Each structure stands twice: as C-alpha cells, then as structure tokens.
Amino acid sequence: MTTYPLTVPAMRVDQPMGAFFATVLTARTLLEVAFTDLLVAERRPGTDTYEVDGTQRLQQPKRLDAIAEYIGRSDSAFPNSIILAANYRPDGYIEGDPEDENKEAEQETKRWRVEEGADGCLRLTIPSAEKLAAVIDGQHRLFAFARSTSERRDAELLCAVYLDLPKPIQAQLFATINSTQKPVDKSLTYELFGYNVEDEPASFWSPDKLAVFMTRRLGADPASPLNDRIVVAPENDFASVKALAGSPWKVSTAVVVQGILRLISTNSKRDSNLLLTPRRERRSLVGVRADKSPLRTLYVEGNDLLIYTIVLNFVIAADNLFWKTAAPDSFIRKTVGVQALFDILRLIGMEAYMAKDVSVQAFENRLRPAAHVNFALDRFKNASGSGRSFIRKVLAANLGLPADLADEDRQAFVT
C-alpha cells in the first residue's frame, strides 16, 4: 500500500490549452486514487488483489486481460502518460468547493496540490487514498494493472496531472487526443463524460456546459474585465510578488466555471444525467428535482443572455471597485478573492434580478460598502478554503448580509 500523504517531484508544462504537471506515480498508487465515471478498481478486503467494477466500451475484460499479460513480460514498457484531472470526486463535484460551506475546511485538506520548495523545485502532494483523480486518458493501461501481479503494480507510470479541470474541457481533451491519433466512436465521449463532441442546440446544454461556454465568452469579450485573464491553470502562480507586480493577473478557468455553475445548479452531475436519459431539453427539468440556485429559473427557461448579462455586469462592477485598484499582492485578485466575489454574486444575484436592475451601476451601488477593505493586509493572506471563507464573510458583513465574523475582525474591517 502507498503511504499518505504522498509527495513526489513535479514539473510544470505550459501549453496553449493550459498548464499541467508531469510527474511519476506507481500503478499501485493510481489504482487507489483514480477512477473514471464508469470504472473503478477496489481492493478486496484483506488481500493485495483488486476487483475492477464498471463497464463501458473501452474497458472490455478481454482487452484488459491482454494488456495485463503484456505487463507481466520482462520487456513491458508504457512511455505514454496517464492523463488525470485531480480534485474531482466521483459524484462530479470539485473537492474543496462543496455546496455546504461548513465542509470547505475539511475538504481543503484532501485536495491534491503543487507547491514550490525552498530549493525552487515543484512537488505534488496527494493527501490521502481518496479517489479524487478522474482518468481522462489511459484507462486501459491503468486498470489492466489491477489484473497483474502485485509486484508489477510497483511499476512507475508517467502522469500528466491537471488540477481542477472542468468536465467539459476534460471531454474536449479526451476527444482531441483520440480523434487525432485513431478513429474513435464519438458516442464514447458521450458515455464517458456526458457531452457530445458535436455542437448541439443551447437548449440541450447541461449547466456545466453552459458555464464553460460563458467562461470562455468572458475570457474573450472585449467588454469583460476578465478578457485574456482566464486560463486553464492551477491555482498556484509560483512567482514572487515582485515578479507578479509587472505581469497581468490571471484566474483559472475552474474558478470562473464553478462561480457561474453555482448560480444555476446545486447538482450539475444530476442535471446532466437527467438531460441525457433520454436526451432532452433543459426545460424538462422543471419539477423534476428541487434546486435553490439563484438563477435556476433563467437557466431552465433558456434565458442565457440574461444570465450572462448579470455575470458580466457583476464582474465589471467588481473590477471597478476591487480589482483595478488592488495592490499586486492583494488576495482579492487571487483565486480565493475571485471565488469569494462569485460567492457574493450567488447571494445577491436573485436580489438584483427581482429588482429588475442588473446594470453595472446597480451592482456597484450594492458592492460599494465593501470597497474600502484592503485585501492586501496580512490578515487576508491565506490561499486556502478558509481564506476564501474569510474574504467572503468580510464582504458579506459590509454588504449587510449574514456573516459569522469574530468581533475583532468586524471592528477592523466592517464599517
């Protein structure tokens, strides 16, 4: 068994689609922590053997057995990388971004993370054996090791690890890899990820597909303050404050996707499943399950333009009041700060919609009472889930929203 937490050297690789980390993990470790939507390897109690559960076209028993036989050869080799999306749970949620905010701190400790050591080298840490790595590509190679001998499971495998990669982009990456290397039935991507690789009418889009579309639009819209700032990248920037001072600030795709997604769905995987069995339009979700996300009605009705307008005008207001004037090291422009602002949008989005005023001016008026807070102060310098929670509470308290703040923090930051 692997001992956790496990820390291994990693190398950052930047490509046009985004950044990932190249590292080496044993097949044994990967069998413990990785999964696909339809396939997992579970250890048999009291033994060193595994059972592979789940069925899909790629994971045919005969093919797994054939690869397992190859693994047993003295000249076996697997130079291609296993591609992983870390910090995804089998239920479709990102670890560290739960619906129940009280679970944030608990989940934060379980997240895969990459940190820079004193020697300047990067290291990937896997805190536990919890299954938090979705396999994007390499399912055959990995799960065939479950059918090999115990000693063979100590073989090292090259891995490309993406952190917090949104599901639709996982599907896009899988389809791109396989369609450029060999013919693949497009329905395979549909089965594995719940997304068609072909374009489809917006009325069929699941919440996360719509959230990715809007995130890309925010990253390309000249009117958006996030234009050219949204990247597929990990939360860490691995750069000194001095270096960052001369470069534009960025935010990861996952942060914006999750911020938008929480406006329209409390369980996006459940929504996707409902829309795909059988395939139907999102209006069919009416009355199927309860969902209290603030802009849910707009999503179901297909009023995507209004959802986008609300999000765009909110981030413009946030830029005018917080981001433009922030110090280079201010946490309001880092992952936790942007997440906290989207949390605030979740609290006030319905309020703005009901007031029939979702203009930039309306959002500026609503956010202005919190504009005085200096998020560059040491008290805010916590890049974890608790840092996000604290920034959100300070913002909420200044806006007259419920916030569980300590008396000293209320006196220091709330007017």
Protein backbone atom coordinates (compact mmCIF):
# COMPACT_ATOMS: atom_id res chain seq x y z
CA MET A 1 0.00 0.00 0.00
CA THR A 2 1.03 3.59 -0.59
CA THR A 3 1.75 5.73 2.46
CA TYR A 4 -0.08 9.06 2.54
CA PRO A 5 0.37 11.94 2.34
CA LEU A 6 2.49 11.18 -0.71
CA THR A 7 4.78 13.88 -2.11
CA VAL A 8 6.57 13.47 -5.45
CA PRO A 9 8.61 15.79 -7.71
CA ALA A 10 6.64 17.53 -10.46
CA MET A 11 7.40 19.68 -13.47
CA ARG A 12 5.05 22.33 -14.79
CA VAL A 13 4.30 22.19 -18.51
CA ASP A 14 2.65 25.20 -20.15
CA GLN A 15 0.80 24.65 -23.44
CA PRO A 16 -1.78 26.67 -25.38
CA MET A 17 -4.73 24.91 -23.71
CA GLY A 18 -3.26 25.41 -20.26
CA ALA A 19 -0.82 24.14 -17.67
CA PHE A 20 -0.40 20.64 -16.28
CA PHE A 21 2.17 18.91 -14.11
CA ALA A 22 4.30 15.98 -15.28
CA THR A 23 5.11 13.52 -12.53
CA VAL A 24 5.67 9.82 -11.84
CA LEU A 25 3.33 7.64 -9.77
CA THR A 26 3.23 3.90 -9.33
CA ALA A 27 0.38 1.88 -10.79
CA ARG A 28 -0.46 0.85 -7.23
CA THR A 29 -0.97 4.47 -6.17
CA LEU A 30 -3.02 5.28 -9.24
CA LEU A 31 -5.33 2.31 -8.69
CA GLU A 32 -6.00 3.64 -5.19
CA VAL A 33 -6.72 7.27 -6.10
CA ALA A 34 -8.02 7.24 -9.70
CA PHE A 35 -11.37 6.47 -11.30
CA THR A 36 -13.45 7.02 -14.40
CA ASP A 37 -17.14 7.82 -14.36
CA LEU A 38 -17.91 4.18 -15.11
CA LEU A 39 -14.90 2.27 -13.83
CA VAL A 40 -13.10 1.90 -10.50
CA ALA A 41 -10.59 -0.52 -9.03
CA GLU A 42 -11.40 -1.62 -5.47
CA ARG A 43 -9.09 -3.62 -3.24
CA ARG A 44 -10.53 -6.88 -1.95
CA PRO A 45 -10.60 -6.73 1.88
CA GLY A 46 -7.61 -8.40 3.50
CA THR A 47 -5.83 -9.04 0.19
CA ASP A 48 -3.49 -7.38 -2.26
CA THR A 49 -5.81 -8.04 -5.20
CA TYR A 50 -8.31 -5.78 -6.91
CA GLU A 51 -11.72 -6.02 -8.46
CA VAL A 52 -12.41 -3.81 -11.47
CA ASP A 53 -16.03 -2.72 -11.43
CA GLY A 54 -17.94 -0.90 -14.15
CA THR A 55 -18.49 -1.40 -17.85
CA GLN A 56 -18.03 0.73 -20.94
CA ARG A 57 -16.93 0.07 -24.49
CA LEU A 58 -13.26 0.77 -23.84
CA GLN A 59 -12.94 -1.36 -20.71
CA GLN A 60 -13.59 -4.77 -22.24
CA PRO A 61 -12.40 -7.62 -20.00
CA LYS A 62 -10.55 -9.35 -22.85
CA ARG A 63 -8.61 -6.21 -23.68
CA LEU A 64 -7.72 -5.62 -20.03
CA ASP A 65 -6.53 -9.23 -19.77
CA ALA A 66 -4.39 -8.84 -22.91
CA ILE A 67 -2.70 -5.72 -21.51
CA ALA A 68 -2.23 -7.44 -18.15
CA GLU A 69 -0.38 -10.26 -19.93
CA TYR A 70 1.85 -7.69 -21.60
CA ILE A 71 2.50 -6.02 -18.22
CA GLY A 72 3.87 -9.36 -16.99
CA ARG A 73 6.53 -9.52 -19.70
CA SER A 74 10.14 -8.71 -18.86
CA ASP A 75 10.26 -6.09 -21.63
CA SER A 76 6.95 -4.29 -20.97
CA ALA A 77 7.02 -0.51 -21.41
CA PHE A 78 4.46 2.28 -21.09
CA PRO A 79 6.11 5.57 -22.17
CA ASN A 80 2.81 7.39 -22.80
CA SER A 81 1.36 9.38 -19.94
CA ILE A 82 -1.77 8.70 -17.93
CA ILE A 83 -3.75 11.95 -18.06
CA LEU A 84 -5.54 12.87 -14.83
CA ALA A 85 -7.94 15.58 -13.69
CA ALA A 86 -7.18 15.96 -10.00
CA ASN A 87 -9.53 17.16 -7.27
CA TYR A 88 -12.65 15.73 -8.89
CA ARG A 89 -14.85 13.38 -6.90
CA PRO A 90 -16.83 10.51 -8.44
CA ASP A 91 -20.05 12.43 -7.67
CA GLY A 92 -18.96 15.19 -10.08
CA TYR A 93 -18.09 17.88 -7.54
CA ILE A 94 -14.74 19.58 -7.16
CA GLU A 95 -13.17 18.74 -3.82
CA GLY A 96 -12.90 21.95 -1.83
CA ASP A 97 -15.96 23.61 -3.36
CA PRO A 98 -18.86 21.91 -1.57
CA GLU A 99 -22.46 23.03 -1.53
CA ASP A 100 -22.28 23.03 2.27
CA GLU A 101 -19.75 25.75 3.12
CA ASN A 102 -19.14 24.21 6.55
CA LYS A 103 -17.31 21.38 4.78
CA GLU A 104 -14.87 23.68 2.99
CA ALA A 105 -12.04 23.44 5.51
CA GLU A 106 -12.39 19.66 5.77
CA GLN A 107 -12.28 19.18 2.00
CA GLU A 108 -9.41 21.63 1.53
CA THR A 109 -7.05 19.28 3.35
CA LYS A 110 -7.84 16.47 0.88
CA ARG A 111 -7.07 18.40 -2.30
CA TRP A 112 -4.11 17.48 -4.49
CA ARG A 113 -1.75 20.44 -4.55
CA VAL A 114 1.55 21.51 -6.06
CA GLU A 115 3.93 23.64 -4.03
CA GLU A 116 7.33 25.17 -4.62
CA GLY A 117 10.01 24.08 -2.18
CA ALA A 118 12.87 26.11 -0.77
CA ASP A 119 15.09 24.62 -3.48
CA GLY A 120 12.83 26.06 -6.18
CA CYS A 121 11.57 22.63 -7.27
CA LEU A 122 7.88 21.80 -7.52
CA ARG A 123 6.30 18.91 -5.62
CA LEU A 124 2.89 17.32 -5.98
CA THR A 125 1.22 16.20 -2.75
CA ILE A 126 -1.56 13.61 -2.64
CA PRO A 127 -3.01 13.84 0.89
CA SER A 128 -4.93 10.55 1.01
CA ALA A 129 -6.08 7.47 -0.89
CA GLU A 130 -9.46 9.07 -1.51
CA LYS A 131 -10.49 8.75 -5.16
CA LEU A 132 -10.00 12.31 -6.39
CA ALA A 133 -8.34 11.80 -9.78
CA ALA A 134 -10.53 11.33 -12.85
CA VAL A 135 -8.73 9.47 -15.65
CA ILE A 136 -9.02 11.44 -18.89
CA ASP A 137 -6.87 9.11 -20.97
CA GLY A 138 -5.04 5.86 -20.26
CA GLN A 139 -7.87 3.83 -18.72
CA HIS A 140 -6.74 0.60 -20.39
CA ARG A 141 -3.16 0.80 -19.22
CA LEU A 142 -4.05 1.75 -15.68
CA PHE A 143 -6.85 -0.67 -14.91
CA ALA A 144 -5.04 -3.59 -16.57
CA PHE A 145 -2.54 -3.31 -13.70
CA ALA A 146 -5.36 -4.36 -11.37
CA ARG A 147 -5.21 -7.74 -13.13
CA SER A 148 -1.44 -8.03 -12.98
CA THR A 149 0.72 -9.43 -10.21
CA SER A 150 1.35 -7.46 -7.03
CA GLU A 151 5.00 -6.72 -7.79
CA ARG A 152 4.11 -5.34 -11.22
CA ARG A 153 1.86 -2.76 -9.60
CA ASP A 154 5.02 -1.08 -8.30
CA ALA A 155 5.83 -0.08 -11.87
CA GLU A 156 6.23 3.67 -12.37
CA LEU A 157 3.93 5.43 -14.82
CA LEU A 158 4.33 8.86 -16.34
CA CYS A 159 1.37 11.09 -15.45
CA ALA A 160 0.10 14.43 -16.72
CA VAL A 161 -1.92 15.99 -13.91
CA TYR A 162 -4.37 18.83 -14.48
CA LEU A 163 -5.75 20.50 -11.35
CA ASP A 164 -9.47 21.36 -11.23
CA LEU A 165 -10.04 20.88 -14.97
CA PRO A 166 -13.77 21.42 -15.74
CA LYS A 167 -15.62 18.37 -17.03
CA PRO A 168 -16.47 19.74 -20.50
CA ILE A 169 -12.78 20.53 -21.06
CA GLN A 170 -11.87 17.01 -19.88
CA ALA A 171 -14.22 15.73 -22.58
CA GLN A 172 -12.72 18.06 -25.16
CA LEU A 173 -9.20 16.93 -24.27
CA PHE A 174 -10.14 13.24 -24.46
CA ALA A 175 -11.86 13.68 -27.82
CA THR A 176 -8.97 15.68 -29.24
CA ILE A 177 -6.33 13.17 -28.16
CA ASN A 178 -8.18 10.19 -29.54
CA SER A 179 -9.59 11.74 -32.70
CA THR A 180 -6.13 12.90 -33.81
CA GLN A 181 -4.46 9.57 -33.08
CA LYS A 182 -7.03 6.99 -34.15
CA PRO A 183 -10.72 6.74 -35.07
CA VAL A 184 -12.98 6.82 -32.02
CA ASP A 185 -16.74 6.47 -31.88
CA LYS A 186 -17.98 9.90 -30.84
CA SER A 187 -20.56 8.26 -28.61
CA LEU A 188 -17.64 7.15 -26.43
CA THR A 189 -17.08 10.69 -25.24
CA TYR A 190 -20.82 10.97 -24.72
CA GLU A 191 -20.69 7.88 -22.46
CA LEU A 192 -17.54 8.80 -20.58
CA PHE A 193 -18.23 12.44 -19.88
CA GLY A 194 -21.85 13.17 -20.75
CA TYR A 195 -21.01 15.61 -23.55
CA ASN A 196 -21.33 15.40 -27.29
CA VAL A 197 -18.25 16.39 -29.22
CA GLU A 198 -20.53 17.79 -31.92
CA ASP A 199 -22.14 21.16 -31.45
CA GLU A 200 -25.70 20.96 -30.19
CA PRO A 201 -28.51 23.48 -29.63
CA ALA A 202 -28.06 25.58 -26.48
CA SER A 203 -31.45 24.34 -25.26
CA PHE A 204 -29.80 20.95 -24.61
CA TRP A 205 -26.78 22.29 -22.72
CA SER A 206 -26.22 20.96 -19.23
CA PRO A 207 -25.38 23.54 -16.52
CA ASP A 208 -21.64 22.88 -16.64
CA LYS A 209 -21.52 23.06 -20.43
CA LEU A 210 -23.25 26.44 -20.28
CA ALA A 211 -20.89 27.57 -17.52
CA VAL A 212 -17.86 26.67 -19.64
CA PHE A 213 -19.34 28.47 -22.65
CA MET A 214 -19.91 31.63 -20.59
CA THR A 215 -16.44 31.40 -19.05
CA ARG A 216 -14.87 31.29 -22.50
CA ARG A 217 -17.00 34.21 -23.55
CA LEU A 218 -15.93 36.24 -20.51
CA GLY A 219 -12.33 35.46 -21.43
CA ALA A 220 -12.77 36.76 -24.99
CA ASP A 221 -15.33 39.56 -24.64
CA PRO A 222 -13.65 43.00 -25.03
CA ALA A 223 -16.21 44.39 -22.57
CA SER A 224 -15.19 41.88 -19.90
CA PRO A 225 -12.51 42.73 -17.33
CA LEU A 226 -11.60 39.03 -17.48
CA ASN A 227 -10.72 39.31 -21.17
CA ASP A 228 -7.42 37.42 -21.67
CA ARG A 229 -7.23 36.74 -17.93
CA ILE A 230 -8.94 33.32 -17.78
CA VAL A 231 -6.54 30.42 -18.22
CA VAL A 232 -6.58 26.66 -17.78
CA ALA A 233 -4.08 26.61 -14.96
CA PRO A 234 -3.62 25.56 -11.34
CA GLU A 235 -4.36 27.95 -8.50
CA ASN A 236 -0.66 28.41 -7.70
CA ASP A 237 1.26 31.02 -9.66
CA PHE A 238 4.74 30.05 -8.33
CA ALA A 239 6.02 33.54 -8.78
CA SER A 240 7.27 36.12 -6.35
CA VAL A 241 5.26 39.22 -5.55
CA LYS A 242 7.93 41.27 -7.31
CA ALA A 243 7.56 39.21 -10.49
CA LEU A 244 3.79 39.39 -10.35
CA ALA A 245 3.84 43.16 -9.98
CA GLY A 246 4.93 43.55 -13.59
CA SER A 247 2.56 40.99 -15.09
CA PRO A 248 -1.21 40.91 -15.57
CA TRP A 249 -3.16 38.91 -13.01
CA LYS A 250 -4.89 35.73 -14.09
CA VAL A 251 -7.67 33.48 -12.83
CA SER A 252 -8.17 29.81 -13.58
CA THR A 253 -10.95 28.52 -15.80
CA ALA A 254 -12.17 26.25 -13.00
CA VAL A 255 -12.74 29.18 -10.63
CA VAL A 256 -14.97 31.05 -13.08
CA VAL A 257 -16.79 27.91 -14.25
CA GLN A 258 -17.63 26.95 -10.67
CA GLY A 259 -18.69 30.51 -9.86
CA ILE A 260 -21.18 30.54 -12.73
CA LEU A 261 -22.26 26.95 -12.22
CA ARG A 262 -23.32 27.58 -8.63
CA LEU A 263 -25.71 30.26 -9.91
CA ILE A 264 -27.74 27.76 -11.92
CA SER A 265 -27.35 24.33 -10.33
CA THR A 266 -26.76 22.73 -6.95
CA ASN A 267 -26.03 19.35 -8.55
CA SER A 268 -24.77 19.64 -12.10
CA LYS A 269 -23.98 15.94 -12.48
CA ARG A 270 -27.54 15.04 -11.54
CA ASP A 271 -28.82 17.60 -14.07
CA SER A 272 -26.57 16.17 -16.79
CA ASN A 273 -27.81 12.65 -16.11
CA LEU A 274 -31.43 13.77 -16.24
CA LEU A 275 -30.88 15.58 -19.53
CA LEU A 276 -29.17 12.57 -21.08
CA THR A 277 -31.61 9.81 -20.09
CA PRO A 278 -33.21 10.22 -22.52
CA ARG A 279 -31.63 13.21 -24.26
CA ARG A 280 -33.94 16.16 -23.76
CA GLU A 281 -34.03 19.92 -23.39
CA ARG A 282 -33.33 21.62 -20.09
CA ARG A 283 -36.91 22.83 -19.79
CA SER A 284 -37.74 19.22 -18.96
CA LEU A 285 -36.01 19.75 -15.59
CA VAL A 286 -39.00 21.73 -14.32
CA GLY A 287 -40.43 19.93 -11.34
CA VAL A 288 -38.01 17.00 -11.64
CA ARG A 289 -35.91 17.94 -8.62
CA ALA A 290 -35.71 20.84 -6.19
CA ASP A 291 -32.89 23.30 -6.82
CA LYS A 292 -32.40 26.56 -4.92
CA SER A 293 -29.62 28.07 -7.01
CA PRO A 294 -30.49 31.76 -7.54
CA LEU A 295 -30.64 31.89 -11.35
CA ARG A 296 -32.05 28.41 -11.84
CA THR A 297 -35.28 29.66 -13.39
CA LEU A 298 -33.37 31.63 -16.03
CA TYR A 299 -31.32 28.54 -16.90
CA VAL A 300 -34.36 26.28 -17.27
CA GLU A 301 -36.16 28.89 -19.35
CA GLY A 302 -33.15 29.21 -21.63
CA ASN A 303 -32.58 32.89 -20.83
CA ASP A 304 -28.81 32.56 -21.20
CA LEU A 305 -28.39 36.15 -22.36
CA LEU A 306 -29.74 37.50 -19.08
CA ILE A 307 -27.55 35.11 -17.05
CA TYR A 308 -24.50 36.28 -18.99
CA THR A 309 -25.50 39.93 -18.61
CA ILE A 310 -25.81 39.52 -14.84
CA VAL A 311 -22.41 37.84 -14.59
CA LEU A 312 -20.71 40.31 -16.95
CA ASN A 313 -22.10 43.40 -15.23
CA PHE A 314 -21.18 41.99 -11.83
CA VAL A 315 -17.54 41.36 -12.79
CA ILE A 316 -17.34 44.83 -14.36
CA ALA A 317 -18.55 46.29 -11.06
CA ALA A 318 -16.09 44.08 -9.14
CA ASP A 319 -13.29 45.26 -11.41
CA ASN A 320 -14.18 48.92 -10.92
CA LEU A 321 -14.40 48.66 -7.14
CA PHE A 322 -11.86 45.95 -6.25
CA TRP A 323 -9.56 44.59 -8.96
CA LYS A 324 -8.43 47.77 -10.77
CA THR A 325 -7.16 49.47 -7.65
CA ALA A 326 -5.89 46.39 -5.82
CA ALA A 327 -2.23 46.02 -4.89
CA PRO A 328 -0.34 43.34 -6.85
CA ASP A 329 -0.30 41.08 -3.79
CA SER A 330 -3.94 41.64 -2.86
CA PHE A 331 -5.84 38.43 -2.33
CA ILE A 332 -8.99 39.90 -3.89
CA ARG A 333 -7.32 39.28 -7.27
CA LYS A 334 -6.14 35.78 -6.42
CA THR A 335 -8.11 32.55 -6.53
CA VAL A 336 -9.68 32.89 -3.08
CA GLY A 337 -10.71 36.50 -3.69
CA VAL A 338 -12.32 35.84 -7.06
CA GLN A 339 -14.09 32.81 -5.58
CA ALA A 340 -15.36 34.92 -2.69
CA LEU A 341 -16.74 37.55 -5.06
CA PHE A 342 -18.60 34.89 -7.05
CA ASP A 343 -19.96 33.64 -3.71
CA ILE A 344 -21.33 37.14 -3.13
CA LEU A 345 -22.92 37.14 -6.60
CA ARG A 346 -24.67 33.94 -5.60
CA LEU A 347 -26.12 35.78 -2.60
CA ILE A 348 -27.21 38.95 -4.41
CA GLY A 349 -27.90 37.71 -7.95
CA MET A 350 -31.55 36.89 -7.35
CA GLU A 351 -31.95 40.13 -5.41
CA ALA A 352 -30.79 42.10 -8.47
CA TYR A 353 -32.96 40.07 -10.83
CA MET A 354 -36.07 40.56 -8.68
CA ALA A 355 -35.37 44.30 -8.52
CA LYS A 356 -35.25 44.28 -12.34
CA ASP A 357 -31.97 46.15 -12.30
CA VAL A 358 -28.87 44.14 -13.19
CA SER A 359 -26.89 47.09 -14.51
CA VAL A 360 -23.25 47.74 -13.71
CA GLN A 361 -24.33 50.78 -11.70
CA ALA A 362 -26.74 48.71 -9.63
CA PHE A 363 -24.03 46.18 -8.78
CA GLU A 364 -21.55 48.96 -7.98
CA ASN A 365 -24.06 50.53 -5.60
CA ARG A 366 -24.60 47.16 -3.92
CA LEU A 367 -20.88 46.36 -3.60
CA ARG A 368 -19.55 49.83 -2.74
CA PRO A 369 -19.88 49.47 1.07
CA ALA A 370 -17.13 46.83 0.91
CA ALA A 371 -14.81 48.72 -1.44
CA HIS A 372 -12.78 50.25 1.39
CA VAL A 373 -11.33 46.92 2.58
CA ASN A 374 -7.62 46.44 1.90
CA PHE A 375 -7.32 42.77 0.96
CA ALA A 376 -3.52 43.06 0.76
CA LEU A 377 -3.29 43.09 4.55
CA ASP A 378 -1.64 40.09 6.21
CA ARG A 379 -4.95 39.03 7.76
CA PHE A 380 -6.22 38.04 4.30
CA LYS A 381 -3.11 36.21 3.12
CA ASN A 382 -4.43 32.68 3.28
CA ALA A 383 -4.63 30.87 -0.05
CA SER A 384 -6.78 28.04 1.28
CA GLY A 385 -10.51 27.48 1.57
CA SER A 386 -10.54 29.25 4.93
CA GLY A 387 -9.02 32.32 3.23
CA ARG A 388 -11.86 32.34 0.72
CA SER A 389 -14.38 31.96 3.53
CA PHE A 390 -12.89 34.86 5.49
CA ILE A 391 -12.89 37.20 2.48
CA ARG A 392 -16.49 36.25 1.74
CA LYS A 393 -17.53 36.93 5.32
CA VAL A 394 -15.85 40.35 5.32
CA LEU A 395 -17.54 41.26 2.05
CA ALA A 396 -20.91 39.97 3.24
CA ALA A 397 -20.73 41.81 6.57
CA ASN A 398 -20.06 45.11 4.83
CA LEU A 399 -22.99 44.48 2.50
CA GLY A 400 -25.41 43.79 5.34
CA LEU A 401 -25.56 40.06 4.61
CA PRO A 402 -25.32 37.35 7.29
CA ALA A 403 -21.67 36.75 8.24
CA ASP A 404 -20.17 34.92 11.19
CA LEU A 405 -17.25 37.22 11.90
CA ALA A 406 -15.25 37.48 15.11
CA ASP A 407 -15.73 40.78 16.96
CA GLU A 408 -12.16 41.93 16.35
CA ASP A 409 -12.47 41.29 12.60
CA ARG A 410 -15.80 43.07 12.46
CA GLN A 411 -14.31 46.09 14.19
CA ALA A 412 -11.26 46.08 11.90
CA PHE A 413 -12.91 45.59 8.51
CA VAL A 414 -16.61 46.46 8.70
CA THR A 415 -17.93 50.00 8.56
